[in-house]
Amino acid sequence: MPAETLDLRDVPPPERHPKIHNAFAALDSGETLQIINDHEPRPLFYEMKAEVEAFDAENYAVEQRDDEEFVATLPKQ
């Protein structure tokens, strides 16, 4: 179960990544952040993998629920 869930579908795009990074930074080790997005968050995955040492890329998961709903789980090491 995620420690926090962010529904970003109504958040303006320039505000999304900072909001995600802040929420992820507030997690404890072993917790996960779940985001709900209107597109596949592939750029976010690569950004997190390159810039956030505590991001557990091996256990990242994304599920497409419909055309405009993607749920991604971002685990913290």
C-alpha atoms as a PDB file:
ATOM      1  CA  MET A   1       0.000   0.000   0.000  1.00  0.00           C
ATOM      2  CA  PRO A   2       1.424   3.407  -0.961  1.00  0.00           C
ATOM      3  CA  ALA A   3       2.398   5.860   1.738  1.00  0.00           C
ATOM      4  CA  GLU A   4       0.950   8.664  -0.374  1.00  0.00           C
ATOM      5  CA  THR A   5      -1.103   8.961  -3.568  1.00  0.00           C
ATOM      6  CA  LEU A   6      -1.045  12.020  -5.820  1.00  0.00           C
ATOM      7  CA  ASP A   7      -3.703  12.479  -8.492  1.00  0.00           C
ATOM      8  CA  LEU A   8      -1.956  14.742 -10.977  1.00  0.00           C
ATOM      9  CA  ARG A   9      -4.555  14.786 -13.737  1.00  0.00           C
ATOM     10  CA  ASP A  10      -5.811  18.260 -12.770  1.00  0.00           C
ATOM     11  CA  VAL A  11      -2.382  19.667 -11.843  1.00  0.00           C
ATOM     12  CA  PRO A  12      -0.809  21.935 -14.498  1.00  0.00           C
ATOM     13  CA  PRO A  13       2.104  20.098 -16.192  1.00  0.00           C
ATOM     14  CA  PRO A  14       4.840  22.525 -15.005  1.00  0.00           C
ATOM     15  CA  GLU A  15       3.824  21.833 -11.396  1.00  0.00           C
ATOM     16  CA  ARG A  16       3.752  18.031 -11.596  1.00  0.00           C
ATOM     17  CA  HIS A  17       7.414  17.020 -11.315  1.00  0.00           C
ATOM     18  CA  PRO A  18       8.224  19.396  -8.429  1.00  0.00           C
ATOM     19  CA  LYS A  19       5.165  18.118  -6.570  1.00  0.00           C
ATOM     20  CA  ILE A  20       6.255  14.494  -7.170  1.00  0.00           C
ATOM     21  CA  HIS A  21       9.852  15.150  -6.094  1.00  0.00           C
ATOM     22  CA  ASN A  22       8.709  16.877  -2.886  1.00  0.00           C
ATOM     23  CA  ALA A  23       6.321  14.064  -1.981  1.00  0.00           C
ATOM     24  CA  PHE A  24       8.958  11.423  -2.768  1.00  0.00           C
ATOM     25  CA  ALA A  25      11.576  13.203  -0.651  1.00  0.00           C
ATOM     26  CA  ALA A  26       9.173  13.163   2.315  1.00  0.00           C
ATOM     27  CA  LEU A  27       8.846   9.356   2.197  1.00  0.00           C
ATOM     28  CA  ASP A  28      10.724   7.091   4.552  1.00  0.00           C
ATOM     29  CA  SER A  29      12.915   4.322   3.199  1.00  0.00           C
ATOM     30  CA  GLY A  30      10.797   1.391   2.023  1.00  0.00           C
ATOM     31  CA  GLU A  31       7.688   3.493   1.379  1.00  0.00           C
ATOM     32  CA  THR A  32       6.107   4.109  -2.011  1.00  0.00           C
ATOM     33  CA  LEU A  33       4.554   7.061  -3.761  1.00  0.00           C
ATOM     34  CA  GLN A  34       1.672   6.327  -6.103  1.00  0.00           C
ATOM     35  CA  ILE A  35       0.824   8.820  -8.814  1.00  0.00           C
ATOM     36  CA  ILE A  36      -2.220   8.958 -11.051  1.00  0.00           C
ATOM     37  CA  ASN A  37      -1.510  10.638 -14.355  1.00  0.00           C
ATOM     38  CA  ASP A  38      -3.218  11.315 -17.683  1.00  0.00           C
ATOM     39  CA  HIS A  39      -0.294   9.876 -19.680  1.00  0.00           C
ATOM     40  CA  GLU A  40       2.387   7.261 -19.192  1.00  0.00           C
ATOM     41  CA  PRO A  41       5.016   8.832 -16.916  1.00  0.00           C
ATOM     42  CA  ARG A  42       8.013   7.428 -18.816  1.00  0.00           C
ATOM     43  CA  PRO A  43       9.974  10.733 -18.756  1.00  0.00           C
ATOM     44  CA  LEU A  44       9.455  10.882 -14.988  1.00  0.00           C
ATOM     45  CA  PHE A  45      10.857   7.360 -14.620  1.00  0.00           C
ATOM     46  CA  TYR A  46      14.062   8.311 -16.457  1.00  0.00           C
ATOM     47  CA  GLU A  47      14.336  11.566 -14.531  1.00  0.00           C
ATOM     48  CA  MET A  48      13.940   9.791 -11.189  1.00  0.00           C
ATOM     49  CA  LYS A  49      16.386   7.067 -12.181  1.00  0.00           C
ATOM     50  CA  ALA A  50      19.035   9.603 -13.197  1.00  0.00           C
ATOM     51  CA  GLU A  51      18.576  12.181 -10.450  1.00  0.00           C
ATOM     52  CA  VAL A  52      17.197  10.524  -7.311  1.00  0.00           C
ATOM     53  CA  GLU A  53      19.563   8.076  -5.641  1.00  0.00           C
ATOM     54  CA  ALA A  54      16.856   6.688  -3.329  1.00  0.00           C
ATOM     55  CA  PHE A  55      14.520   5.812  -6.244  1.00  0.00           C
ATOM     56  CA  ASP A  56      14.138   2.023  -6.537  1.00  0.00           C
ATOM     57  CA  ALA A  57      13.913   1.741 -10.339  1.00  0.00           C
ATOM     58  CA  GLU A  58      13.916  -2.071 -10.190  1.00  0.00           C
ATOM     59  CA  ASN A  59      10.547  -2.114  -8.414  1.00  0.00           C
ATOM     60  CA  TYR A  60       8.892   0.757 -10.295  1.00  0.00           C
ATOM     61  CA  ALA A  61       5.571  -0.232 -11.845  1.00  0.00           C
ATOM     62  CA  VAL A  62       2.976   1.461 -14.015  1.00  0.00           C
ATOM     63  CA  GLU A  63      -0.528   0.294 -14.899  1.00  0.00           C
ATOM     64  CA  GLN A  64      -2.681   1.771 -17.635  1.00  0.00           C
ATOM     65  CA  ARG A  65      -6.299   1.721 -16.438  1.00  0.00           C
ATOM     66  CA  ASP A  66      -7.778   3.507 -19.449  1.00  0.00           C
ATOM     67  CA  ASP A  67      -6.723   5.942 -22.185  1.00  0.00           C
ATOM     68  CA  GLU A  68      -6.180   8.808 -19.740  1.00  0.00           C
ATOM     69  CA  GLU A  69      -5.419   7.064 -16.468  1.00  0.00           C
ATOM     70  CA  PHE A  70      -1.993   5.690 -15.649  1.00  0.00           C
ATOM     71  CA  VAL A  71      -1.102   4.640 -12.107  1.00  0.00           C
ATOM     72  CA  ALA A  72       2.605   4.493 -11.293  1.00  0.00           C
ATOM     73  CA  THR A  73       4.233   3.219  -8.117  1.00  0.00           C
ATOM     74  CA  LEU A  74       7.533   4.863  -7.195  1.00  0.00           C
ATOM     75  CA  PRO A  75       9.295   2.951  -4.408  1.00  0.00           C
ATOM     76  CA  LYS A  76      11.969   4.475  -2.211  1.00  0.00           C
ATOM     77  CA  GLN A  77      14.984   2.422  -1.193  1.00  0.00           C
END
